[in-house]
C-alpha cells in the first residue's frame, strides 16, 4: 500500500482548521449573543434583519410624531374645553341680561363681565401650541384673531398634517374661524363685542340680547362639535400608538428568533466541536509519529 504523507498532513490540517474556525465562530456567537456576525453567514436572514433595522428607524420617527400629535391635540382639546366654558358663561350672563327687571347699571355690570369673557376668549384664540406656533392654525408669527376696523377677523388657517405611519397622517390644526364661527357672519367674538356695546350704552338692548342668546347657543354647540372632532383625532393617535407598540413587540420577537443565539444549544455545540477538535489533534499527533514500518504492520 502506498501512503502519501503530504495527503495525510493536508487532510488533517484542513480538518483541524475547519473545526477551529467553527469553534471560534461559536465562541463569538456566545460572546455577542448573535447568530449573525457577518451578512455572509446567512444572506436571507441578514436581509430580514436589515429590514427590521429600517422599520425600527421609521418607527422611531413615527413614535416622536405620534407623541407630538397627541400633545398638540390634547392641548387643543383642553383649550376648546376652556372656550366652551367661557361661551357657556357668556350665554348664562346674556340670559340674565334678558331679564326686563334689570336697570341700566345692572346691564352695564353684566356688559363688563361679558367683556371680560370676550377678552379671555381672544386670549384663548391666540394661544400658542407646544412648538410656539398659533394653536388655532394661523401662520407662524401671526395671531389667529385680530381686530381690524372695529371687528375681529380671522387669519387663514394652515393645515398641519403630521405623518404617524406609512401613508397615514393626522391634522393637528383647528382654524380659529372653525372654532368661533357658528354660522355665516355670526362669530362669537363679534357677537359678544356687539352685545357688550349694547349693554353698556344705557339704552334698550333687548333686541341685541335676544339675538345674542340665539347665536351664543349655536356657538356653544359649535365648540362642542369641534372639540368632538379633535377628540376623535386624539383617539386615532392613541390607537396608532397601540398598534405601533404591538408591531414593534412582534418585530422584536421575530428578530430575536432569527438573530439571537440559544446559549445552551450554542455552548453544547461548542463543547462537541472542541471534543472533536481535541480528538483530531490527538489522533494527528499519534499518527504523525509513526514510522513507515508501523504503517506496514
C-alpha atoms as a PDB file:
ATOM      1  CA  UNK A   1       0.000   0.000   0.000  1.00  0.00           C
ATOM      2  CA  UNK A   2       1.336   3.442  -0.994  1.00  0.00           C
ATOM      3  CA  UNK A   3       0.883   6.129   1.634  1.00  0.00           C
ATOM      4  CA  UNK A   4       1.056   9.847   0.775  1.00  0.00           C
ATOM      5  CA  UNK A   5       2.496  11.759   3.690  1.00  0.00           C
ATOM      6  CA  UNK A   6       1.504  15.048   2.018  1.00  0.00           C
ATOM      7  CA  UNK A   7      -2.127  13.949   1.658  1.00  0.00           C
ATOM      8  CA  UNK A   8      -2.225  12.864   5.290  1.00  0.00           C
ATOM      9  CA  UNK A   9      -0.932  16.215   6.535  1.00  0.00           C
ATOM     10  CA  UNK A  10      -3.172  18.243   4.198  1.00  0.00           C
ATOM     11  CA  UNK A  11      -6.290  16.331   5.224  1.00  0.00           C
ATOM     12  CA  UNK A  12      -5.524  16.629   8.927  1.00  0.00           C
ATOM     13  CA  UNK A  13      -4.705  20.328   8.569  1.00  0.00           C
ATOM     14  CA  UNK A  14      -7.945  21.114   6.723  1.00  0.00           C
ATOM     15  CA  UNK A  15      -9.986  19.183   9.276  1.00  0.00           C
ATOM     16  CA  UNK A  16      -8.404  20.939  12.267  1.00  0.00           C
ATOM     17  CA  UNK A  17      -8.678  24.350  10.573  1.00  0.00           C
ATOM     18  CA  UNK A  18     -12.358  23.709   9.888  1.00  0.00           C
ATOM     19  CA  UNK A  19     -13.036  22.662  13.477  1.00  0.00           C
ATOM     20  CA  UNK A  20     -11.035  25.603  14.869  1.00  0.00           C
ATOM     21  CA  UNK A  21     -12.996  28.046  12.678  1.00  0.00           C
ATOM     22  CA  UNK A  22     -16.282  26.524  13.785  1.00  0.00           C
ATOM     23  CA  UNK A  23     -15.244  26.721  17.444  1.00  0.00           C
ATOM     24  CA  UNK A  24     -14.174  30.364  17.051  1.00  0.00           C
ATOM     25  CA  UNK A  25     -17.491  31.227  15.368  1.00  0.00           C
ATOM     26  CA  UNK A  26     -19.441  29.580  18.164  1.00  0.00           C
ATOM     27  CA  UNK A  27     -17.390  31.451  20.781  1.00  0.00           C
ATOM     28  CA  UNK A  28     -18.166  34.746  19.014  1.00  0.00           C
ATOM     29  CA  UNK A  29     -21.874  33.848  18.970  1.00  0.00           C
ATOM     30  CA  UNK A  30     -21.799  33.134  22.704  1.00  0.00           C
ATOM     31  CA  UNK A  31     -19.974  36.379  23.499  1.00  0.00           C
ATOM     32  CA  UNK A  32     -22.211  38.562  21.288  1.00  0.00           C
ATOM     33  CA  UNK A  33     -25.447  36.627  21.737  1.00  0.00           C
ATOM     34  CA  UNK A  34     -25.996  36.856  17.952  1.00  0.00           C
ATOM     35  CA  UNK A  35     -26.116  34.138  15.317  1.00  0.00           C
ATOM     36  CA  UNK A  36     -25.223  36.536  12.526  1.00  0.00           C
ATOM     37  CA  UNK A  37     -21.792  38.114  12.869  1.00  0.00           C
ATOM     38  CA  UNK A  38     -21.420  38.713   9.130  1.00  0.00           C
ATOM     39  CA  UNK A  39     -24.080  39.108   6.402  1.00  0.00           C
ATOM     40  CA  UNK A  40     -22.442  36.228   4.560  1.00  0.00           C
ATOM     41  CA  UNK A  41     -23.344  33.883   7.425  1.00  0.00           C
ATOM     42  CA  UNK A  42     -26.954  33.819   6.186  1.00  0.00           C
ATOM     43  CA  UNK A  43     -27.824  36.236   3.393  1.00  0.00           C
ATOM     44  CA  UNK A  44     -31.599  35.771   3.709  1.00  0.00           C
ATOM     45  CA  UNK A  45     -31.582  36.271   7.491  1.00  0.00           C
ATOM     46  CA  UNK A  46     -29.262  39.274   7.136  1.00  0.00           C
ATOM     47  CA  UNK A  47     -31.717  40.846   4.675  1.00  0.00           C
ATOM     48  CA  UNK A  48     -34.549  40.347   7.167  1.00  0.00           C
ATOM     49  CA  UNK A  49     -32.520  41.933   9.950  1.00  0.00           C
ATOM     50  CA  UNK A  50     -31.712  44.899   7.681  1.00  0.00           C
ATOM     51  CA  UNK A  51     -35.437  45.320   7.023  1.00  0.00           C
ATOM     52  CA  UNK A  52     -36.094  45.212  10.767  1.00  0.00           C
ATOM     53  CA  UNK A  53     -33.489  47.964  11.205  1.00  0.00           C
ATOM     54  CA  UNK A  54     -35.257  50.094   8.593  1.00  0.00           C
ATOM     55  CA  UNK A  55     -38.655  49.558  10.217  1.00  0.00           C
ATOM     56  CA  UNK A  56     -37.233  50.368  13.655  1.00  0.00           C
ATOM     57  CA  UNK A  57     -35.746  53.614  12.310  1.00  0.00           C
ATOM     58  CA  UNK A  58     -39.067  54.575  10.697  1.00  0.00           C
ATOM     59  CA  UNK A  59     -40.969  53.721  13.864  1.00  0.00           C
ATOM     60  CA  UNK A  60     -38.650  55.895  15.951  1.00  0.00           C
ATOM     61  CA  UNK A  61     -39.665  58.863  13.779  1.00  0.00           C
ATOM     62  CA  UNK A  62     -43.356  57.926  13.855  1.00  0.00           C
ATOM     63  CA  UNK A  63     -43.201  57.455  17.622  1.00  0.00           C
ATOM     64  CA  UNK A  64     -41.889  61.007  18.004  1.00  0.00           C
ATOM     65  CA  UNK A  65     -44.562  62.280  15.612  1.00  0.00           C
ATOM     66  CA  UNK A  66     -47.315  60.439  17.468  1.00  0.00           C
ATOM     67  CA  UNK A  67     -46.171  61.901  20.770  1.00  0.00           C
ATOM     68  CA  UNK A  68     -46.141  65.395  19.266  1.00  0.00           C
ATOM     69  CA  UNK A  69     -49.534  64.938  17.570  1.00  0.00           C
ATOM     70  CA  UNK A  70     -51.059  63.608  20.777  1.00  0.00           C
ATOM     71  CA  UNK A  71     -49.663  66.533  22.762  1.00  0.00           C
ATOM     72  CA  UNK A  72     -50.919  69.147  20.289  1.00  0.00           C
ATOM     73  CA  UNK A  73     -54.376  67.596  20.025  1.00  0.00           C
ATOM     74  CA  UNK A  74     -54.636  67.292  23.812  1.00  0.00           C
ATOM     75  CA  UNK A  75     -53.711  70.958  24.160  1.00  0.00           C
ATOM     76  CA  UNK A  76     -56.322  71.897  21.565  1.00  0.00           C
ATOM     77  CA  UNK A  77     -58.897  69.703  23.341  1.00  0.00           C
ATOM     78  CA  UNK A  78     -58.166  71.305  26.707  1.00  0.00           C
ATOM     79  CA  UNK A  79     -58.265  74.822  25.249  1.00  0.00           C
ATOM     80  CA  UNK A  80     -61.542  74.102  23.463  1.00  0.00           C
ATOM     81  CA  UNK A  81     -62.935  72.914  26.773  1.00  0.00           C
ATOM     82  CA  UNK A  82     -61.981  76.251  28.315  1.00  0.00           C
ATOM     83  CA  UNK A  83     -63.517  78.102  25.367  1.00  0.00           C
ATOM     84  CA  UNK A  84     -66.717  76.123  25.778  1.00  0.00           C
ATOM     85  CA  UNK A  85     -66.923  77.058  29.452  1.00  0.00           C
ATOM     86  CA  UNK A  86     -66.436  80.737  28.637  1.00  0.00           C
ATOM     87  CA  UNK A  87     -69.125  80.669  25.942  1.00  0.00           C
ATOM     88  CA  UNK A  88     -71.493  78.894  28.319  1.00  0.00           C
ATOM     89  CA  UNK A  89     -70.808  81.526  30.960  1.00  0.00           C
ATOM     90  CA  UNK A  90     -71.461  84.275  28.409  1.00  0.00           C
ATOM     91  CA  UNK A  91     -74.755  82.602  27.482  1.00  0.00           C
ATOM     92  CA  UNK A  92     -75.791  82.488  31.144  1.00  0.00           C
ATOM     93  CA  UNK A  93     -74.977  86.182  31.576  1.00  0.00           C
ATOM     94  CA  UNK A  94     -76.846  87.027  28.391  1.00  0.00           C
ATOM     95  CA  UNK A  95     -79.872  85.150  29.685  1.00  0.00           C
ATOM     96  CA  UNK A  96     -79.560  87.150  32.873  1.00  0.00           C
ATOM     97  CA  UNK A  97     -79.384  90.378  30.860  1.00  0.00           C
ATOM     98  CA  UNK A  98     -82.653  89.441  29.151  1.00  0.00           C
ATOM     99  CA  UNK A  99     -84.430  89.911  32.478  1.00  0.00           C
ATOM    100  CA  UNK A 100     -86.562  93.009  32.000  1.00  0.00           C
ATOM    101  CA  UNK A 101     -86.233  93.981  35.665  1.00  0.00           C
ATOM    102  CA  UNK A 102     -82.542  94.915  35.320  1.00  0.00           C
ATOM    103  CA  UNK A 103     -81.791  98.628  35.311  1.00  0.00           C
ATOM    104  CA  UNK A 104     -79.153 100.303  33.162  1.00  0.00           C
ATOM    105  CA  UNK A 105     -76.461  99.979  35.827  1.00  0.00           C
ATOM    106  CA  UNK A 106     -77.151  96.246  36.202  1.00  0.00           C
ATOM    107  CA  UNK A 107     -76.976  95.726  32.429  1.00  0.00           C
ATOM    108  CA  UNK A 108     -73.727  97.681  32.288  1.00  0.00           C
ATOM    109  CA  UNK A 109     -72.274  95.439  35.007  1.00  0.00           C
ATOM    110  CA  UNK A 110     -73.264  92.377  33.023  1.00  0.00           C
ATOM    111  CA  UNK A 111     -71.671  94.003  29.999  1.00  0.00           C
ATOM    112  CA  UNK A 112     -68.409  94.369  31.903  1.00  0.00           C
ATOM    113  CA  UNK A 113     -68.472  90.663  32.807  1.00  0.00           C
ATOM    114  CA  UNK A 114     -69.170  89.673  29.209  1.00  0.00           C
ATOM    115  CA  UNK A 115     -66.367  91.984  28.038  1.00  0.00           C
ATOM    116  CA  UNK A 116     -64.031  90.104  30.366  1.00  0.00           C
ATOM    117  CA  UNK A 117     -65.199  86.810  28.812  1.00  0.00           C
ATOM    118  CA  UNK A 118     -64.691  88.239  25.319  1.00  0.00           C
ATOM    119  CA  UNK A 119     -61.107  89.197  26.174  1.00  0.00           C
ATOM    120  CA  UNK A 120     -60.470  85.784  27.726  1.00  0.00           C
ATOM    121  CA  UNK A 121     -61.759  84.118  24.571  1.00  0.00           C
ATOM    122  CA  UNK A 122     -59.472  86.303  22.470  1.00  0.00           C
ATOM    123  CA  UNK A 123     -56.530  85.161  24.570  1.00  0.00           C
ATOM    124  CA  UNK A 124     -57.517  81.522  24.147  1.00  0.00           C
ATOM    125  CA  UNK A 125     -57.993  82.029  20.408  1.00  0.00           C
ATOM    126  CA  UNK A 126     -54.416  83.312  20.112  1.00  0.00           C
ATOM    127  CA  UNK A 127     -52.864  80.659  22.356  1.00  0.00           C
ATOM    128  CA  UNK A 128     -49.576  79.085  21.232  1.00  0.00           C
ATOM    129  CA  UNK A 129     -49.014  75.348  20.991  1.00  0.00           C
ATOM    130  CA  UNK A 130     -46.095  73.325  22.371  1.00  0.00           C
ATOM    131  CA  UNK A 131     -43.992  74.330  19.347  1.00  0.00           C
ATOM    132  CA  UNK A 132     -44.605  78.023  19.944  1.00  0.00           C
ATOM    133  CA  UNK A 133     -46.924  78.231  16.926  1.00  0.00           C
ATOM    134  CA  UNK A 134     -50.522  79.520  16.989  1.00  0.00           C
ATOM    135  CA  UNK A 135     -52.692  76.709  18.353  1.00  0.00           C
ATOM    136  CA  UNK A 136     -55.604  77.528  16.092  1.00  0.00           C
ATOM    137  CA  UNK A 137     -53.995  77.344  12.728  1.00  0.00           C
ATOM    138  CA  UNK A 138     -52.584  80.777  11.892  1.00  0.00           C
ATOM    139  CA  UNK A 139     -49.244  81.195  10.164  1.00  0.00           C
ATOM    140  CA  UNK A 140     -46.135  81.390  12.341  1.00  0.00           C
ATOM    141  CA  UNK A 141     -45.633  84.814  13.874  1.00  0.00           C
ATOM    142  CA  UNK A 142     -49.221  85.975  13.388  1.00  0.00           C
ATOM    143  CA  UNK A 143     -52.247  85.898  15.670  1.00  0.00           C
ATOM    144  CA  UNK A 144     -55.204  83.718  14.742  1.00  0.00           C
ATOM    145  CA  UNK A 145     -57.605  86.551  15.606  1.00  0.00           C
ATOM    146  CA  UNK A 146     -57.009  90.290  15.266  1.00  0.00           C
ATOM    147  CA  UNK A 147     -59.124  93.441  15.478  1.00  0.00           C
ATOM    148  CA  UNK A 148     -59.474  95.270  12.145  1.00  0.00           C
ATOM    149  CA  UNK A 149     -61.694  98.352  11.770  1.00  0.00           C
ATOM    150  CA  UNK A 150     -63.643  97.541  14.906  1.00  0.00           C
ATOM    151  CA  UNK A 151     -64.303  93.884  14.031  1.00  0.00           C
ATOM    152  CA  UNK A 152     -62.500  90.679  14.877  1.00  0.00           C
ATOM    153  CA  UNK A 153     -61.028  88.975  11.817  1.00  0.00           C
ATOM    154  CA  UNK A 154     -59.511  85.513  11.413  1.00  0.00           C
ATOM    155  CA  UNK A 155     -56.225  84.593   9.812  1.00  0.00           C
ATOM    156  CA  UNK A 156     -56.142  81.940   7.113  1.00  0.00           C
ATOM    157  CA  UNK A 157     -55.821  78.572   8.847  1.00  0.00           C
ATOM    158  CA  UNK A 158     -52.771  76.476   7.978  1.00  0.00           C
ATOM    159  CA  UNK A 159     -53.164  72.731   7.568  1.00  0.00           C
ATOM    160  CA  UNK A 160     -50.724  70.987   9.901  1.00  0.00           C
ATOM    161  CA  UNK A 161     -50.562  67.299   8.973  1.00  0.00           C
ATOM    162  CA  UNK A 162     -48.158  65.091  10.910  1.00  0.00           C
ATOM    163  CA  UNK A 163     -47.172  61.672   9.476  1.00  0.00           C
ATOM    164  CA  UNK A 164     -47.971  58.936  12.011  1.00  0.00           C
ATOM    165  CA  UNK A 165     -47.494  55.766   9.923  1.00  0.00           C
ATOM    166  CA  UNK A 166     -46.730  54.693   6.368  1.00  0.00           C
ATOM    167  CA  UNK A 167     -49.251  56.502   4.193  1.00  0.00           C
ATOM    168  CA  UNK A 168     -51.061  57.973   7.214  1.00  0.00           C
ATOM    169  CA  UNK A 169     -51.093  61.440   8.749  1.00  0.00           C
ATOM    170  CA  UNK A 170     -53.265  63.346  11.192  1.00  0.00           C
ATOM    171  CA  UNK A 171     -54.285  67.005  11.068  1.00  0.00           C
ATOM    172  CA  UNK A 172     -53.472  68.613  14.413  1.00  0.00           C
ATOM    173  CA  UNK A 173     -54.642  72.101  13.430  1.00  0.00           C
ATOM    174  CA  UNK A 174     -58.022  73.711  14.086  1.00  0.00           C
ATOM    175  CA  UNK A 175     -58.744  77.050  12.467  1.00  0.00           C
ATOM    176  CA  UNK A 176     -59.932  79.799  14.797  1.00  0.00           C
ATOM    177  CA  UNK A 177     -62.727  80.583  12.346  1.00  0.00           C
ATOM    178  CA  UNK A 178     -63.901  76.973  12.673  1.00  0.00           C
ATOM    179  CA  UNK A 179     -63.978  77.363  16.452  1.00  0.00           C
ATOM    180  CA  UNK A 180     -65.696  80.737  16.697  1.00  0.00           C
ATOM    181  CA  UNK A 181     -67.890  80.956  13.606  1.00  0.00           C
ATOM    182  CA  UNK A 182     -71.104  79.031  14.092  1.00  0.00           C
ATOM    183  CA  UNK A 183     -72.764  80.494  11.017  1.00  0.00           C
ATOM    184  CA  UNK A 184     -72.279  82.936   8.166  1.00  0.00           C
ATOM    185  CA  UNK A 185     -71.117  86.300   9.522  1.00  0.00           C
ATOM    186  CA  UNK A 186     -72.021  85.218  13.046  1.00  0.00           C
ATOM    187  CA  UNK A 187     -68.856  84.652  15.035  1.00  0.00           C
ATOM    188  CA  UNK A 188     -68.725  84.524  18.800  1.00  0.00           C
ATOM    189  CA  UNK A 189     -66.256  87.327  19.406  1.00  0.00           C
ATOM    190  CA  UNK A 190     -68.094  89.888  17.282  1.00  0.00           C
ATOM    191  CA  UNK A 191     -71.442  88.818  18.758  1.00  0.00           C
ATOM    192  CA  UNK A 192     -70.044  89.397  22.245  1.00  0.00           C
ATOM    193  CA  UNK A 193     -68.497  92.698  21.192  1.00  0.00           C
ATOM    194  CA  UNK A 194     -71.828  93.954  19.866  1.00  0.00           C
ATOM    195  CA  UNK A 195     -73.594  92.709  22.995  1.00  0.00           C
ATOM    196  CA  UNK A 196     -71.149  94.495  25.310  1.00  0.00           C
ATOM    197  CA  UNK A 197     -71.645  97.772  23.442  1.00  0.00           C
ATOM    198  CA  UNK A 198     -75.432  97.458  23.668  1.00  0.00           C
ATOM    199  CA  UNK A 199     -75.460  96.576  27.386  1.00  0.00           C
ATOM    200  CA  UNK A 200     -73.168  99.457  28.319  1.00  0.00           C
ATOM    201  CA  UNK A 201     -74.942 102.061  26.135  1.00  0.00           C
ATOM    202  CA  UNK A 202     -77.731 102.543  28.663  1.00  0.00           C
ATOM    203  CA  UNK A 203     -80.462 102.218  26.033  1.00  0.00           C
ATOM    204  CA  UNK A 204     -82.853  99.405  25.138  1.00  0.00           C
ATOM    205  CA  UNK A 205     -80.702  96.358  24.406  1.00  0.00           C
ATOM    206  CA  UNK A 206     -83.478  93.738  24.348  1.00  0.00           C
ATOM    207  CA  UNK A 207     -83.252  93.023  20.592  1.00  0.00           C
ATOM    208  CA  UNK A 208     -79.468  92.698  20.724  1.00  0.00           C
ATOM    209  CA  UNK A 209     -79.665  90.472  23.790  1.00  0.00           C
ATOM    210  CA  UNK A 210     -82.227  88.181  22.173  1.00  0.00           C
ATOM    211  CA  UNK A 211     -80.151  87.906  19.008  1.00  0.00           C
ATOM    212  CA  UNK A 212     -77.017  87.220  21.062  1.00  0.00           C
ATOM    213  CA  UNK A 213     -78.749  84.447  23.007  1.00  0.00           C
ATOM    214  CA  UNK A 214     -79.635  82.569  19.822  1.00  0.00           C
ATOM    215  CA  UNK A 215     -76.159  82.979  18.380  1.00  0.00           C
ATOM    216  CA  UNK A 216     -74.393  82.008  21.596  1.00  0.00           C
ATOM    217  CA  UNK A 217     -76.459  78.821  21.796  1.00  0.00           C
ATOM    218  CA  UNK A 218     -75.286  77.977  18.287  1.00  0.00           C
ATOM    219  CA  UNK A 219     -71.725  78.947  19.258  1.00  0.00           C
ATOM    220  CA  UNK A 220     -71.870  76.662  22.279  1.00  0.00           C
ATOM    221  CA  UNK A 221     -72.971  73.732  20.112  1.00  0.00           C
ATOM    222  CA  UNK A 222     -70.307  74.533  17.542  1.00  0.00           C
ATOM    223  CA  UNK A 223     -67.482  74.481  20.083  1.00  0.00           C
ATOM    224  CA  UNK A 224     -68.717  71.092  21.320  1.00  0.00           C
ATOM    225  CA  UNK A 225     -68.710  69.771  17.755  1.00  0.00           C
ATOM    226  CA  UNK A 226     -65.174  70.991  17.099  1.00  0.00           C
ATOM    227  CA  UNK A 227     -63.989  69.533  20.394  1.00  0.00           C
ATOM    228  CA  UNK A 228     -65.555  66.172  19.495  1.00  0.00           C
ATOM    229  CA  UNK A 229     -63.654  66.234  16.183  1.00  0.00           C
ATOM    230  CA  UNK A 230     -60.381  66.891  17.985  1.00  0.00           C
ATOM    231  CA  UNK A 231     -61.213  64.129  20.464  1.00  0.00           C
ATOM    232  CA  UNK A 232     -61.736  61.686  17.587  1.00  0.00           C
ATOM    233  CA  UNK A 233     -58.296  62.558  16.230  1.00  0.00           C
ATOM    234  CA  UNK A 234     -56.806  62.067  19.691  1.00  0.00           C
ATOM    235  CA  UNK A 235     -58.392  58.609  19.803  1.00  0.00           C
ATOM    236  CA  UNK A 236     -56.915  57.818  16.401  1.00  0.00           C
ATOM    237  CA  UNK A 237     -53.441  58.798  17.605  1.00  0.00           C
ATOM    238  CA  UNK A 238     -53.831  56.638  20.714  1.00  0.00           C
ATOM    239  CA  UNK A 239     -54.988  53.711  18.573  1.00  0.00           C
ATOM    240  CA  UNK A 240     -51.999  54.090  16.263  1.00  0.00           C
ATOM    241  CA  UNK A 241     -49.660  54.230  19.256  1.00  0.00           C
ATOM    242  CA  UNK A 242     -51.087  50.934  20.460  1.00  0.00           C
ATOM    243  CA  UNK A 243     -50.761  49.360  17.001  1.00  0.00           C
ATOM    244  CA  UNK A 244     -47.193  50.598  16.678  1.00  0.00           C
ATOM    245  CA  UNK A 245     -46.240  49.180  20.064  1.00  0.00           C
ATOM    246  CA  UNK A 246     -47.777  45.801  19.206  1.00  0.00           C
ATOM    247  CA  UNK A 247     -45.990  45.718  15.848  1.00  0.00           C
ATOM    248  CA  UNK A 248     -42.720  46.689  17.498  1.00  0.00           C
ATOM    249  CA  UNK A 249     -43.062  43.881  20.035  1.00  0.00           C
ATOM    250  CA  UNK A 250     -43.882  41.322  17.328  1.00  0.00           C
ATOM    251  CA  UNK A 251     -40.968  42.504  15.211  1.00  0.00           C
ATOM    252  CA  UNK A 252     -38.567  42.275  18.150  1.00  0.00           C
ATOM    253  CA  UNK A 253     -39.669  38.705  18.842  1.00  0.00           C
ATOM    254  CA  UNK A 254     -39.285  37.685  15.197  1.00  0.00           C
ATOM    255  CA  UNK A 255     -35.909  39.387  15.007  1.00  0.00           C
ATOM    256  CA  UNK A 256     -34.774  37.564  18.125  1.00  0.00           C
ATOM    257  CA  UNK A 257     -35.793  34.211  16.635  1.00  0.00           C
ATOM    258  CA  UNK A 258     -33.680  34.961  13.554  1.00  0.00           C
ATOM    259  CA  UNK A 259     -30.720  36.765  15.081  1.00  0.00           C
ATOM    260  CA  UNK A 260     -30.261  35.691  18.700  1.00  0.00           C
ATOM    261  CA  UNK A 261     -28.495  32.517  19.771  1.00  0.00           C
ATOM    262  CA  UNK A 262     -29.780  29.895  22.176  1.00  0.00           C
ATOM    263  CA  UNK A 263     -26.988  29.943  24.804  1.00  0.00           C
ATOM    264  CA  UNK A 264     -27.492  26.346  25.956  1.00  0.00           C
ATOM    265  CA  UNK A 265     -27.638  24.975  22.425  1.00  0.00           C
ATOM    266  CA  UNK A 266     -24.618  27.010  21.290  1.00  0.00           C
ATOM    267  CA  UNK A 267     -22.494  26.075  24.308  1.00  0.00           C
ATOM    268  CA  UNK A 268     -23.357  22.403  23.711  1.00  0.00           C
ATOM    269  CA  UNK A 269     -22.285  22.704  20.052  1.00  0.00           C
ATOM    270  CA  UNK A 270     -19.047  24.389  21.148  1.00  0.00           C
ATOM    271  CA  UNK A 271     -18.290  21.596  23.612  1.00  0.00           C
ATOM    272  CA  UNK A 272     -18.969  18.985  20.932  1.00  0.00           C
ATOM    273  CA  UNK A 273     -16.751  20.828  18.443  1.00  0.00           C
ATOM    274  CA  UNK A 274     -13.934  21.198  20.961  1.00  0.00           C
ATOM    275  CA  UNK A 275     -14.153  17.480  21.816  1.00  0.00           C
ATOM    276  CA  UNK A 276     -13.874  16.520  18.150  1.00  0.00           C
ATOM    277  CA  UNK A 277     -11.033  19.014  17.633  1.00  0.00           C
ATOM    278  CA  UNK A 278      -9.105  17.678  20.588  1.00  0.00           C
ATOM    279  CA  UNK A 279      -9.625  14.101  19.400  1.00  0.00           C
ATOM    280  CA  UNK A 280      -8.480  15.055  15.895  1.00  0.00           C
ATOM    281  CA  UNK A 281      -5.386  16.775  17.262  1.00  0.00           C
ATOM    282  CA  UNK A 282      -4.585  13.791  19.458  1.00  0.00           C
ATOM    283  CA  UNK A 283      -5.014  11.370  16.543  1.00  0.00           C
ATOM    284  CA  UNK A 284      -2.852  13.518  14.290  1.00  0.00           C
ATOM    285  CA  UNK A 285      -0.101  13.702  16.904  1.00  0.00           C
ATOM    286  CA  UNK A 286      -0.140   9.952  17.372  1.00  0.00           C
ATOM    287  CA  UNK A 287      -0.311   9.048  13.693  1.00  0.00           C
ATOM    288  CA  UNK A 288       2.296  11.567  12.605  1.00  0.00           C
ATOM    289  CA  UNK A 289       4.813   9.975  14.987  1.00  0.00           C
ATOM    290  CA  UNK A 290       4.531   6.514  13.415  1.00  0.00           C
ATOM    291  CA  UNK A 291       7.241   5.258  11.011  1.00  0.00           C
ATOM    292  CA  UNK A 292       6.670   3.518   7.690  1.00  0.00           C
ATOM    293  CA  UNK A 293       7.275   0.154   9.376  1.00  0.00           C
ATOM    294  CA  UNK A 294       4.468   0.923  11.863  1.00  0.00           C
ATOM    295  CA  UNK A 295       2.028   1.512   8.973  1.00  0.00           C
ATOM    296  CA  UNK A 296       3.121  -1.784   7.310  1.00  0.00           C
ATOM    297  CA  UNK A 297       2.498  -3.931  10.380  1.00  0.00           C
END
